[in-house]
C-alpha atoms as a PDB file:
ATOM      1  CA  UNK A   1     134.811 118.091 -84.199  1.00  0.00           C
ATOM      2  CA  UNK A   2     131.648 119.651 -82.396  1.00  0.00           C
ATOM      3  CA  UNK A   3     130.733 121.967 -80.104  1.00  0.00           C
ATOM      4  CA  UNK A   4     128.485 120.935 -77.137  1.00  0.00           C
ATOM      5  CA  UNK A   5     124.836 122.139 -78.337  1.00  0.00           C
ATOM      6  CA  UNK A   6     123.851 124.443 -75.151  1.00  0.00           C
ATOM      7  CA  UNK A   7     127.002 126.292 -76.201  1.00  0.00           C
ATOM      8  CA  UNK A   8     126.062 129.688 -76.748  1.00  0.00           C
ATOM      9  CA  UNK A   9     127.433 132.636 -78.759  1.00  0.00           C
ATOM     10  CA  UNK A  10     126.735 136.009 -79.773  1.00  0.00           C
ATOM     11  CA  UNK A  11     125.860 136.750 -83.287  1.00  0.00           C
ATOM     12  CA  UNK A  12     125.445 140.391 -85.079  1.00  0.00           C
ATOM     13  CA  UNK A  13     122.202 139.367 -86.413  1.00  0.00           C
ATOM     14  CA  UNK A  14     119.792 141.130 -83.738  1.00  0.00           C
ATOM     15  CA  UNK A  15     116.529 140.303 -83.243  1.00  0.00           C
ATOM     16  CA  UNK A  16     114.214 138.198 -85.661  1.00  0.00           C
ATOM     17  CA  UNK A  17     112.761 134.740 -86.469  1.00  0.00           C
ATOM     18  CA  UNK A  18     114.425 131.501 -85.150  1.00  0.00           C
ATOM     19  CA  UNK A  19     116.009 129.710 -88.340  1.00  0.00           C
ATOM     20  CA  UNK A  20     118.642 127.236 -88.524  1.00  0.00           C
ATOM     21  CA  UNK A  21     121.619 127.194 -90.992  1.00  0.00           C
ATOM     22  CA  UNK A  22     123.621 125.304 -92.535  1.00  0.00           C
ATOM     23  CA  UNK A  23     127.603 126.403 -94.193  1.00  0.00           C
ATOM     24  CA  UNK A  24     128.162 122.910 -96.621  1.00  0.00           C
ATOM     25  CA  UNK A  25     132.347 123.136 -97.174  1.00  0.00           C
ATOM     26  CA  UNK A  26     134.241 120.589 -99.242  1.00  0.00           C
ATOM     27  CA  UNK A  27     135.277 118.697 -95.898  1.00  0.00           C
ATOM     28  CA  UNK A  28     132.923 119.844 -93.106  1.00  0.00           C
ATOM     29  CA  UNK A  29     129.777 121.637 -92.767  1.00  0.00           C
ATOM     30  CA  UNK A  30     128.927 123.861 -89.809  1.00  0.00           C
ATOM     31  CA  UNK A  31     125.822 124.081 -88.283  1.00  0.00           C
ATOM     32  CA  UNK A  32     123.197 126.577 -86.010  1.00  0.00           C
ATOM     33  CA  UNK A  33     120.393 127.917 -84.098  1.00  0.00           C
ATOM     34  CA  UNK A  34     119.708 131.298 -84.258  1.00  0.00           C
ATOM     35  CA  UNK A  35     116.915 132.166 -81.369  1.00  0.00           C
ATOM     36  CA  UNK A  36     114.879 135.536 -81.375  1.00  0.00           C
ATOM     37  CA  UNK A  37     117.383 137.286 -79.968  1.00  0.00           C
ATOM     38  CA  UNK A  38     119.498 136.231 -82.477  1.00  0.00           C
ATOM     39  CA  UNK A  39     121.797 134.157 -80.478  1.00  0.00           C
ATOM     40  CA  UNK A  40     124.137 131.455 -81.808  1.00  0.00           C
ATOM     41  CA  UNK A  41     122.962 127.769 -80.550  1.00  0.00           C
ATOM     42  CA  UNK A  42     124.182 124.844 -81.003  1.00  0.00           C
ATOM     43  CA  UNK A  43     126.998 126.002 -83.139  1.00  0.00           C
ATOM     44  CA  UNK A  44     128.513 122.487 -84.797  1.00  0.00           C
ATOM     45  CA  UNK A  45     131.243 121.565 -87.183  1.00  0.00           C
ATOM     46  CA  UNK A  46     130.855 118.302 -88.507  1.00  0.00           C
ATOM     47  CA  UNK A  47     132.449 115.865 -91.564  1.00  0.00           C
ATOM     48  CA  UNK A  48     130.864 116.850 -94.726  1.00  0.00           C
ATOM     49  CA  UNK A  49     129.333 113.270 -95.615  1.00  0.00           C
ATOM     50  CA  UNK A  50     131.080 112.002 -99.196  1.00  0.00           C
ATOM     51  CA  UNK A  51     129.485 109.621-100.818  1.00  0.00           C
ATOM     52  CA  UNK A  52     130.986 110.410-104.703  1.00  0.00           C
ATOM     53  CA  UNK A  53     127.607 110.533-107.175  1.00  0.00           C
ATOM     54  CA  UNK A  54     125.372 110.602-104.130  1.00  0.00           C
ATOM     55  CA  UNK A  55     127.376 113.287-101.750  1.00  0.00           C
ATOM     56  CA  UNK A  56     124.226 115.712-101.890  1.00  0.00           C
ATOM     57  CA  UNK A  57     122.118 112.854-101.054  1.00  0.00           C
ATOM     58  CA  UNK A  58     124.010 112.397 -98.150  1.00  0.00           C
ATOM     59  CA  UNK A  59     124.231 115.992 -97.000  1.00  0.00           C
ATOM     60  CA  UNK A  60     120.956 116.654 -97.086  1.00  0.00           C
ATOM     61  CA  UNK A  61     120.192 113.645 -94.994  1.00  0.00           C
ATOM     62  CA  UNK A  62     122.758 115.030 -92.864  1.00  0.00           C
ATOM     63  CA  UNK A  63     121.294 118.141 -92.726  1.00  0.00           C
ATOM     64  CA  UNK A  64     117.284 116.719 -91.726  1.00  0.00           C
ATOM     65  CA  UNK A  65     119.435 114.585 -88.835  1.00  0.00           C
ATOM     66  CA  UNK A  66     120.969 118.239 -87.422  1.00  0.00           C
ATOM     67  CA  UNK A  67     117.821 119.573 -87.655  1.00  0.00           C
ATOM     68  CA  UNK A  68     116.157 117.095 -85.369  1.00  0.00           C
ATOM     69  CA  UNK A  69     119.406 117.019 -83.229  1.00  0.00           C
ATOM     70  CA  UNK A  70     118.292 120.351 -82.826  1.00  0.00           C
ATOM     71  CA  UNK A  71     114.537 119.945 -81.948  1.00  0.00           C
ATOM     72  CA  UNK A  72     115.851 117.273 -79.403  1.00  0.00           C
ATOM     73  CA  UNK A  73     118.446 119.755 -77.602  1.00  0.00           C
ATOM     74  CA  UNK A  74     116.506 122.800 -78.105  1.00  0.00           C
ATOM     75  CA  UNK A  75     112.855 121.372 -77.797  1.00  0.00           C
ATOM     76  CA  UNK A  76     111.457 125.784 -77.402  1.00  0.00           C
ATOM     77  CA  UNK A  77     113.647 127.270 -80.659  1.00  0.00           C
ATOM     78  CA  UNK A  78     111.305 126.514 -83.450  1.00  0.00           C
ATOM     79  CA  UNK A  79     112.618 127.059 -86.568  1.00  0.00           C
ATOM     80  CA  UNK A  80     110.396 128.887 -88.871  1.00  0.00           C
ATOM     81  CA  UNK A  81     113.039 128.574 -91.976  1.00  0.00           C
ATOM     82  CA  UNK A  82     116.389 127.022 -92.801  1.00  0.00           C
ATOM     83  CA  UNK A  83     119.289 128.757 -94.995  1.00  0.00           C
ATOM     84  CA  UNK A  84     121.539 126.514 -96.290  1.00  0.00           C
ATOM     85  CA  UNK A  85     124.954 127.180 -98.798  1.00  0.00           C
ATOM     86  CA  UNK A  86     127.024 124.428-100.869  1.00  0.00           C
ATOM     87  CA  UNK A  87     129.916 125.061-102.631  1.00  0.00           C
ATOM     88  CA  UNK A  88     130.305 125.194-106.337  1.00  0.00           C
ATOM     89  CA  UNK A  89     128.198 126.321-109.066  1.00  0.00           C
ATOM     90  CA  UNK A  90     124.763 127.417-107.515  1.00  0.00           C
ATOM     91  CA  UNK A  91     121.991 129.195-109.807  1.00  0.00           C
ATOM     92  CA  UNK A  92     120.351 131.087-105.813  1.00  0.00           C
ATOM     93  CA  UNK A  93     117.235 132.029-108.298  1.00  0.00           C
ATOM     94  CA  UNK A  94     115.870 127.864-109.182  1.00  0.00           C
ATOM     95  CA  UNK A  95     117.302 126.854-105.779  1.00  0.00           C
ATOM     96  CA  UNK A  96     119.781 124.816-107.707  1.00  0.00           C
ATOM     97  CA  UNK A  97     123.371 123.183-107.089  1.00  0.00           C
ATOM     98  CA  UNK A  98     124.730 123.248-110.813  1.00  0.00           C
ATOM     99  CA  UNK A  99     128.120 121.732-110.320  1.00  0.00           C
ATOM    100  CA  UNK A 100     130.955 120.868-107.766  1.00  0.00           C
ATOM    101  CA  UNK A 101     132.784 118.609-109.467  1.00  0.00           C
ATOM    102  CA  UNK A 102     135.094 117.885-106.275  1.00  0.00           C
ATOM    103  CA  UNK A 103     131.385 116.580-104.206  1.00  0.00           C
ATOM    104  CA  UNK A 104     130.647 114.991-107.205  1.00  0.00           C
ATOM    105  CA  UNK A 105     126.965 116.344-107.606  1.00  0.00           C
ATOM    106  CA  UNK A 106     125.371 118.126-110.937  1.00  0.00           C
ATOM    107  CA  UNK A 107     122.214 119.937-110.955  1.00  0.00           C
ATOM    108  CA  UNK A 108     120.307 118.664-107.534  1.00  0.00           C
ATOM    109  CA  UNK A 109     117.459 121.009-106.918  1.00  0.00           C
ATOM    110  CA  UNK A 110     118.889 121.455-103.041  1.00  0.00           C
ATOM    111  CA  UNK A 111     115.891 124.157-102.107  1.00  0.00           C
ATOM    112  CA  UNK A 112     113.391 122.117-103.207  1.00  0.00           C
ATOM    113  CA  UNK A 113     114.836 119.000-101.478  1.00  0.00           C
ATOM    114  CA  UNK A 114     115.865 120.631 -98.267  1.00  0.00           C
ATOM    115  CA  UNK A 115     112.652 121.925 -97.943  1.00  0.00           C
ATOM    116  CA  UNK A 116     110.848 118.073 -99.135  1.00  0.00           C
ATOM    117  CA  UNK A 117     113.013 117.088 -95.546  1.00  0.00           C
ATOM    118  CA  UNK A 118     112.923 120.164 -93.207  1.00  0.00           C
ATOM    119  CA  UNK A 119     108.983 121.128 -93.382  1.00  0.00           C
ATOM    120  CA  UNK A 120     110.085 124.884 -93.663  1.00  0.00           C
ATOM    121  CA  UNK A 121     111.000 127.305 -96.280  1.00  0.00           C
ATOM    122  CA  UNK A 122     114.421 126.801 -97.716  1.00  0.00           C
ATOM    123  CA  UNK A 123     116.470 130.237 -98.657  1.00  0.00           C
ATOM    124  CA  UNK A 124     119.725 128.413-100.482  1.00  0.00           C
ATOM    125  CA  UNK A 125     122.649 129.762-101.907  1.00  0.00           C
ATOM    126  CA  UNK A 126     126.694 129.836-102.922  1.00  0.00           C
ATOM    127  CA  UNK A 127     129.160 130.082 -99.690  1.00  0.00           C
ATOM    128  CA  UNK A 128     131.252 132.241-100.147  1.00  0.00           C
ATOM    129  CA  UNK A 129     128.028 134.285-101.002  1.00  0.00           C
ATOM    130  CA  UNK A 130     126.293 133.995 -98.103  1.00  0.00           C
ATOM    131  CA  UNK A 131     129.758 134.775 -96.108  1.00  0.00           C
ATOM    132  CA  UNK A 132     129.529 137.759 -98.374  1.00  0.00           C
ATOM    133  CA  UNK A 133     125.693 138.503 -97.415  1.00  0.00           C
ATOM    134  CA  UNK A 134     127.173 138.972 -94.241  1.00  0.00           C
ATOM    135  CA  UNK A 135     129.816 141.482 -94.367  1.00  0.00           C
ATOM    136  CA  UNK A 136     126.921 143.625 -96.806  1.00  0.00           C
ATOM    137  CA  UNK A 137     124.671 144.347 -94.281  1.00  0.00           C
ATOM    138  CA  UNK A 138     126.676 143.546 -91.114  1.00  0.00           C
ATOM    139  CA  UNK A 139     130.520 143.841 -91.149  1.00  0.00           C
ATOM    140  CA  UNK A 140     132.942 145.477 -93.232  1.00  0.00           C
ATOM    141  CA  UNK A 141     130.942 146.296 -96.796  1.00  0.00           C
ATOM    142  CA  UNK A 142     128.209 148.017 -94.957  1.00  0.00           C
ATOM    143  CA  UNK A 143     129.264 151.266 -95.635  1.00  0.00           C
ATOM    144  CA  UNK A 144     128.882 150.473 -99.719  1.00  0.00           C
ATOM    145  CA  UNK A 145     126.478 150.358-102.717  1.00  0.00           C
ATOM    146  CA  UNK A 146     129.055 148.927-104.875  1.00  0.00           C
ATOM    147  CA  UNK A 147     131.473 146.389-103.750  1.00  0.00           C
ATOM    148  CA  UNK A 148     133.207 143.172-104.439  1.00  0.00           C
ATOM    149  CA  UNK A 149     134.141 140.602-101.353  1.00  0.00           C
ATOM    150  CA  UNK A 150     136.872 138.142-101.712  1.00  0.00           C
ATOM    151  CA  UNK A 151     137.725 134.875-100.129  1.00  0.00           C
ATOM    152  CA  UNK A 152     140.893 133.729-100.213  1.00  0.00           C
ATOM    153  CA  UNK A 153     141.256 130.548 -98.680  1.00  0.00           C
ATOM    154  CA  UNK A 154     142.108 126.705-100.255  1.00  0.00           C
ATOM    155  CA  UNK A 155     140.509 128.588-103.494  1.00  0.00           C
ATOM    156  CA  UNK A 156     139.348 131.771-104.233  1.00  0.00           C
ATOM    157  CA  UNK A 157     135.585 133.348-105.211  1.00  0.00           C
ATOM    158  CA  UNK A 158     133.685 136.083-104.267  1.00  0.00           C
ATOM    159  CA  UNK A 159     130.064 138.025-104.009  1.00  0.00           C
ATOM    160  CA  UNK A 160     129.695 140.913-105.876  1.00  0.00           C
ATOM    161  CA  UNK A 161     127.087 143.905-105.227  1.00  0.00           C
ATOM    162  CA  UNK A 162     126.084 146.942-107.678  1.00  0.00           C
ATOM    163  CA  UNK A 163     123.805 149.521-106.546  1.00  0.00           C
ATOM    164  CA  UNK A 164     123.166 147.948-103.645  1.00  0.00           C
ATOM    165  CA  UNK A 165     121.966 144.511-105.420  1.00  0.00           C
ATOM    166  CA  UNK A 166     123.411 141.041-106.103  1.00  0.00           C
ATOM    167  CA  UNK A 167     124.712 140.199-108.360  1.00  0.00           C
ATOM    168  CA  UNK A 168     124.481 136.563-109.631  1.00  0.00           C
ATOM    169  CA  UNK A 169     124.205 135.735-113.208  1.00  0.00           C
ATOM    170  CA  UNK A 170     122.650 132.740-113.020  1.00  0.00           C
ATOM    171  CA  UNK A 171     125.119 131.812-110.145  1.00  0.00           C
ATOM    172  CA  UNK A 172     128.392 132.482-112.429  1.00  0.00           C
ATOM    173  CA  UNK A 173     129.339 136.446-110.906  1.00  0.00           C
ATOM    174  CA  UNK A 174     131.955 136.287-108.392  1.00  0.00           C
ATOM    175  CA  UNK A 175     134.002 133.059-109.816  1.00  0.00           C
ATOM    176  CA  UNK A 176     137.103 135.877-109.984  1.00  0.00           C
ATOM    177  CA  UNK A 177     139.815 132.643-108.820  1.00  0.00           C
ATOM    178  CA  UNK A 178     139.355 131.755-112.293  1.00  0.00           C
ATOM    179  CA  UNK A 179     139.772 135.324-113.943  1.00  0.00           C
ATOM    180  CA  UNK A 180     143.160 134.657-116.141  1.00  0.00           C
ATOM    181  CA  UNK A 181     145.922 136.520-115.202  1.00  0.00           C
ATOM    182  CA  UNK A 182     148.861 134.329-116.538  1.00  0.00           C
ATOM    183  CA  UNK A 183     148.189 133.546-120.321  1.00  0.00           C
ATOM    184  CA  UNK A 184     148.873 129.490-120.562  1.00  0.00           C
ATOM    185  CA  UNK A 185     150.197 129.606-116.688  1.00  0.00           C
ATOM    186  CA  UNK A 186     149.775 126.888-114.047  1.00  0.00           C
ATOM    187  CA  UNK A 187     147.022 124.513-114.408  1.00  0.00           C
ATOM    188  CA  UNK A 188     143.855 125.204-112.489  1.00  0.00           C
ATOM    189  CA  UNK A 189     141.388 122.445-111.035  1.00  0.00           C
ATOM    190  CA  UNK A 190     139.146 123.465-112.835  1.00  0.00           C
ATOM    191  CA  UNK A 191     141.066 122.639-116.053  1.00  0.00           C
ATOM    192  CA  UNK A 192     142.175 126.106-117.246  1.00  0.00           C
ATOM    193  CA  UNK A 193     145.475 127.729-117.095  1.00  0.00           C
ATOM    194  CA  UNK A 194     146.902 130.796-115.563  1.00  0.00           C
ATOM    195  CA  UNK A 195     143.626 131.538-113.325  1.00  0.00           C
ATOM    196  CA  UNK A 196     144.292 133.991-110.098  1.00  0.00           C
ATOM    197  CA  UNK A 197     143.301 130.962-107.942  1.00  0.00           C
ATOM    198  CA  UNK A 198     146.532 128.484-109.114  1.00  0.00           C
ATOM    199  CA  UNK A 199     148.715 131.674-107.958  1.00  0.00           C
ATOM    200  CA  UNK A 200     147.729 133.305-105.241  1.00  0.00           C
ATOM    201  CA  UNK A 201     145.058 130.941-103.499  1.00  0.00           C
ATOM    202  CA  UNK A 202     146.336 129.784 -99.738  1.00  0.00           C
ATOM    203  CA  UNK A 203     146.603 126.763-101.493  1.00  0.00           C
ATOM    204  CA  UNK A 204     148.601 127.186-104.837  1.00  0.00           C
ATOM    205  CA  UNK A 205     150.842 129.304-102.514  1.00  0.00           C
ATOM    206  CA  UNK A 206     152.612 126.235-100.531  1.00  0.00           C
ATOM    207  CA  UNK A 207     152.167 123.923-103.967  1.00  0.00           C
ATOM    208  CA  UNK A 208     154.231 126.761-105.265  1.00  0.00           C
ATOM    209  CA  UNK A 209     156.205 126.609-103.255  1.00  0.00           C
ATOM    210  CA  UNK A 210     156.671 122.958-102.277  1.00  0.00           C
ATOM    211  CA  UNK A 211     157.631 122.642-106.359  1.00  0.00           C
ATOM    212  CA  UNK A 212     160.344 125.137-106.940  1.00  0.00           C
ATOM    213  CA  UNK A 213     161.978 123.555-103.422  1.00  0.00           C
ATOM    214  CA  UNK A 214     160.821 120.097-103.053  1.00  0.00           C
ATOM    215  CA  UNK A 215     160.281 120.814 -99.616  1.00  0.00           C
ATOM    216  CA  UNK A 216     157.055 120.494 -97.758  1.00  0.00           C
ATOM    217  CA  UNK A 217     155.423 123.600 -96.095  1.00  0.00           C
ATOM    218  CA  UNK A 218     152.292 124.175 -93.700  1.00  0.00           C
ATOM    219  CA  UNK A 219     150.260 126.125 -96.100  1.00  0.00           C
ATOM    220  CA  UNK A 220     150.759 129.721 -96.852  1.00  0.00           C
ATOM    221  CA  UNK A 221     151.396 131.164 -94.053  1.00  0.00           C
ATOM    222  CA  UNK A 222     154.657 129.098 -93.533  1.00  0.00           C
ATOM    223  CA  UNK A 223     155.075 130.186 -97.274  1.00  0.00           C
ATOM    224  CA  UNK A 224     155.200 133.972 -95.853  1.00  0.00           C
ATOM    225  CA  UNK A 225     157.135 133.167 -92.512  1.00  0.00           C
ATOM    226  CA  UNK A 226     160.087 131.940 -94.978  1.00  0.00           C
ATOM    227  CA  UNK A 227     159.594 134.872 -96.989  1.00  0.00           C
ATOM    228  CA  UNK A 228     159.642 137.303 -93.783  1.00  0.00           C
ATOM    229  CA  UNK A 229     162.686 135.652 -92.703  1.00  0.00           C
ATOM    230  CA  UNK A 230     164.691 136.030 -95.997  1.00  0.00           C
ATOM    231  CA  UNK A 231     163.852 133.263 -98.136  1.00  0.00           C
ATOM    232  CA  UNK A 232     164.495 134.294-101.486  1.00  0.00           C
ATOM    233  CA  UNK A 233     161.532 131.558-102.926  1.00  0.00           C
ATOM    234  CA  UNK A 234     159.191 132.389-100.401  1.00  0.00           C
ATOM    235  CA  UNK A 235     159.675 135.334-101.304  1.00  0.00           C
ATOM    236  CA  UNK A 236     158.566 135.127-104.979  1.00  0.00           C
ATOM    237  CA  UNK A 237     156.159 132.716-104.751  1.00  0.00           C
ATOM    238  CA  UNK A 238     154.925 136.025-102.260  1.00  0.00           C
ATOM    239  CA  UNK A 239     155.467 138.337-104.543  1.00  0.00           C
ATOM    240  CA  UNK A 240     153.794 136.651-107.549  1.00  0.00           C
ATOM    241  CA  UNK A 241     150.711 135.997-105.516  1.00  0.00           C
ATOM    242  CA  UNK A 242     150.479 139.561-104.935  1.00  0.00           C
ATOM    243  CA  UNK A 243     150.707 141.013-108.346  1.00  0.00           C
ATOM    244  CA  UNK A 244     148.450 138.113-109.536  1.00  0.00           C
ATOM    245  CA  UNK A 245     145.752 138.969-106.910  1.00  0.00           C
ATOM    246  CA  UNK A 246     146.232 142.397-107.963  1.00  0.00           C
ATOM    247  CA  UNK A 247     146.479 142.848-111.935  1.00  0.00           C
ATOM    248  CA  UNK A 248     143.189 140.595-111.101  1.00  0.00           C
ATOM    249  CA  UNK A 249     141.406 143.520-108.258  1.00  0.00           C
ATOM    250  CA  UNK A 250     142.799 146.583-111.427  1.00  0.00           C
ATOM    251  CA  UNK A 251     140.123 143.883-113.573  1.00  0.00           C
ATOM    252  CA  UNK A 252     137.127 144.361-111.165  1.00  0.00           C
ATOM    253  CA  UNK A 253     137.933 147.907-110.900  1.00  0.00           C
ATOM    254  CA  UNK A 254     137.941 148.846-114.610  1.00  0.00           C
ATOM    255  CA  UNK A 255     134.385 146.877-114.706  1.00  0.00           C
ATOM    256  CA  UNK A 256     132.872 147.444-112.114  1.00  0.00           C
ATOM    257  CA  UNK A 257     134.584 150.355-110.276  1.00  0.00           C
ATOM    258  CA  UNK A 258     133.742 149.635-106.897  1.00  0.00           C
ATOM    259  CA  UNK A 259     133.722 151.345-103.757  1.00  0.00           C
ATOM    260  CA  UNK A 260     135.718 149.060-102.075  1.00  0.00           C
ATOM    261  CA  UNK A 261     136.950 145.191-102.229  1.00  0.00           C
ATOM    262  CA  UNK A 262     136.730 143.288 -98.649  1.00  0.00           C
ATOM    263  CA  UNK A 263     138.706 140.878 -98.155  1.00  0.00           C
ATOM    264  CA  UNK A 264     138.298 137.594 -96.380  1.00  0.00           C
ATOM    265  CA  UNK A 265     139.291 134.190 -95.490  1.00  0.00           C
ATOM    266  CA  UNK A 266     142.389 132.613 -94.608  1.00  0.00           C
ATOM    267  CA  UNK A 267     144.947 134.781 -96.467  1.00  0.00           C
ATOM    268  CA  UNK A 268     143.700 137.678 -94.918  1.00  0.00           C
ATOM    269  CA  UNK A 269     144.832 136.788 -91.617  1.00  0.00           C
ATOM    270  CA  UNK A 270     148.149 137.780 -93.047  1.00  0.00           C
ATOM    271  CA  UNK A 271     147.138 141.424 -92.629  1.00  0.00           C
ATOM    272  CA  UNK A 272     149.730 144.055 -93.288  1.00  0.00           C
ATOM    273  CA  UNK A 273     152.095 141.612 -94.654  1.00  0.00           C
ATOM    274  CA  UNK A 274     149.364 141.249 -97.607  1.00  0.00           C
ATOM    275  CA  UNK A 275     147.388 144.498 -97.562  1.00  0.00           C
ATOM    276  CA  UNK A 276     150.406 146.925 -97.469  1.00  0.00           C
ATOM    277  CA  UNK A 277     151.984 145.261-100.880  1.00  0.00           C
ATOM    278  CA  UNK A 278     148.325 144.182-102.471  1.00  0.00           C
ATOM    279  CA  UNK A 279     147.728 149.049-102.333  1.00  0.00           C
ATOM    280  CA  UNK A 280     150.585 149.093-103.587  1.00  0.00           C
ATOM    281  CA  UNK A 281     150.822 147.222-106.700  1.00  0.00           C
ATOM    282  CA  UNK A 282     147.272 148.330-107.668  1.00  0.00           C
ATOM    283  CA  UNK A 283     148.288 151.886-106.692  1.00  0.00           C
ATOM    284  CA  UNK A 284     150.861 150.368-109.642  1.00  0.00           C
ATOM    285  CA  UNK A 285     148.483 149.567-112.082  1.00  0.00           C
ATOM    286  CA  UNK A 286     146.107 151.758-111.369  1.00  0.00           C
ATOM    287  CA  UNK A 287     145.948 155.267-113.690  1.00  0.00           C
ATOM    288  CA  UNK A 288     142.699 157.501-113.702  1.00  0.00           C
ATOM    289  CA  UNK A 289     140.397 154.751-111.914  1.00  0.00           C
ATOM    290  CA  UNK A 290     138.675 154.633-109.415  1.00  0.00           C
ATOM    291  CA  UNK A 291     140.252 153.914-106.189  1.00  0.00           C
ATOM    292  CA  UNK A 292     138.734 151.043-104.021  1.00  0.00           C
ATOM    293  CA  UNK A 293     139.486 150.950-100.585  1.00  0.00           C
ATOM    294  CA  UNK A 294     141.147 147.425 -99.479  1.00  0.00           C
ATOM    295  CA  UNK A 295     139.769 146.753 -96.498  1.00  0.00           C
ATOM    296  CA  UNK A 296     140.143 143.150 -94.471  1.00  0.00           C
ATOM    297  CA  UNK A 297     136.310 141.149 -93.868  1.00  0.00           C
ATOM    298  CA  UNK A 298     134.827 141.887 -90.210  1.00  0.00           C
ATOM    299  CA  UNK A 299     132.779 138.902 -89.679  1.00  0.00           C
ATOM    300  CA  UNK A 300     134.964 135.741 -88.995  1.00  0.00           C
ATOM    301  CA  UNK A 301     134.879 132.023 -89.394  1.00  0.00           C
ATOM    302  CA  UNK A 302     131.071 131.576 -89.207  1.00  0.00           C
ATOM    303  CA  UNK A 303     130.490 134.735 -91.503  1.00  0.00           C
ATOM    304  CA  UNK A 304     129.035 131.845 -93.759  1.00  0.00           C
ATOM    305  CA  UNK A 305     125.843 130.608 -90.867  1.00  0.00           C
ATOM    306  CA  UNK A 306     125.299 134.470 -90.473  1.00  0.00           C
ATOM    307  CA  UNK A 307     124.640 134.873 -94.183  1.00  0.00           C
ATOM    308  CA  UNK A 308     122.698 131.708 -94.138  1.00  0.00           C
ATOM    309  CA  UNK A 309     120.683 133.038 -91.347  1.00  0.00           C
ATOM    310  CA  UNK A 310     119.786 136.724 -92.630  1.00  0.00           C
ATOM    311  CA  UNK A 311     118.629 135.157 -95.607  1.00  0.00           C
ATOM    312  CA  UNK A 312     116.559 132.755 -94.221  1.00  0.00           C
ATOM    313  CA  UNK A 313     114.714 135.240 -92.017  1.00  0.00           C
ATOM    314  CA  UNK A 314     114.508 137.212 -94.795  1.00  0.00           C
ATOM    315  CA  UNK A 315     111.717 134.352 -96.090  1.00  0.00           C
ATOM    316  CA  UNK A 316     109.841 134.723 -93.063  1.00  0.00           C
ATOM    317  CA  UNK A 317     109.553 138.193 -93.548  1.00  0.00           C
ATOM    318  CA  UNK A 318     109.648 138.692 -96.994  1.00  0.00           C
ATOM    319  CA  UNK A 319     108.903 135.690 -99.124  1.00  0.00           C
ATOM    320  CA  UNK A 320     112.328 136.556-100.598  1.00  0.00           C
ATOM    321  CA  UNK A 321     115.830 137.194 -99.504  1.00  0.00           C
ATOM    322  CA  UNK A 322     116.091 141.270 -99.699  1.00  0.00           C
ATOM    323  CA  UNK A 323     119.089 143.298-100.556  1.00  0.00           C
ATOM    324  CA  UNK A 324     120.015 144.377 -97.691  1.00  0.00           C
ATOM    325  CA  UNK A 325     117.943 145.629 -93.965  1.00  0.00           C
ATOM    326  CA  UNK A 326     116.651 149.274 -92.757  1.00  0.00           C
ATOM    327  CA  UNK A 327     119.496 150.021 -90.089  1.00  0.00           C
ATOM    328  CA  UNK A 328     117.535 149.474 -86.940  1.00  0.00           C
END
């Protein structure tokens, strides 16, 4: 799907430098220009060019093509930097896509290659960390200095901020979807067993219901609807997902004691059906620990693009991404 290039959409980024932003996913990629007023121009969603071991190169070529399209469509809006987010294991500091097994790349110097193609500085990061950046600086996580942002969709990943600073650990931090919640439990796509992602992601909820009933369902929302209608198997699958999420969050609480856990992604759209039992189960698990607030994400489906734009603007102003700008 492509949105008409003349389409203009308000965004919360505010006044700043003109930048171009890309949020690459496993099936599609979003892109947009952000002008000096923070208006989001030419929002597009295009298919991620999958080309086996050459996918990374194809993605970079597509980024260059879209940027050239924007130059023709918006000749008066010239980006001074770009923001690029990709999935998988990402080393922000070195600008490298370390591994994306389902997209076929390993140790790709995305930052350098993108800068060569675009001719402007490029801020490079993980797709969920980019969305977390937007929530931390402009959204639900803004009031907090110690916070974890979880995105629950096809998989589960997170962005962690400690004392107001992002915790990266060479790209390995935030892989909460691969924390073990059931030893020797269901097989995870990464090859491990009993990982949170294999039990509580939106994809896992639908898959686990199908495995138990033989019935095809239209995602986790369908499973929840069946549970609310009295389907005992759907209820069990949903309850097990809640229990796994609460257990994983309790581990975060014990280790990091965050002020809040912000939850986004498709599963968060379940609203009280997710948050009410999750809060109750977390309370059951905790004893003396600090109770974090569990709050829904605010930025919405363009959070990744907005995070990429913020980091790109930081490159122009500071020469490097900032932790959190001073409120105006």
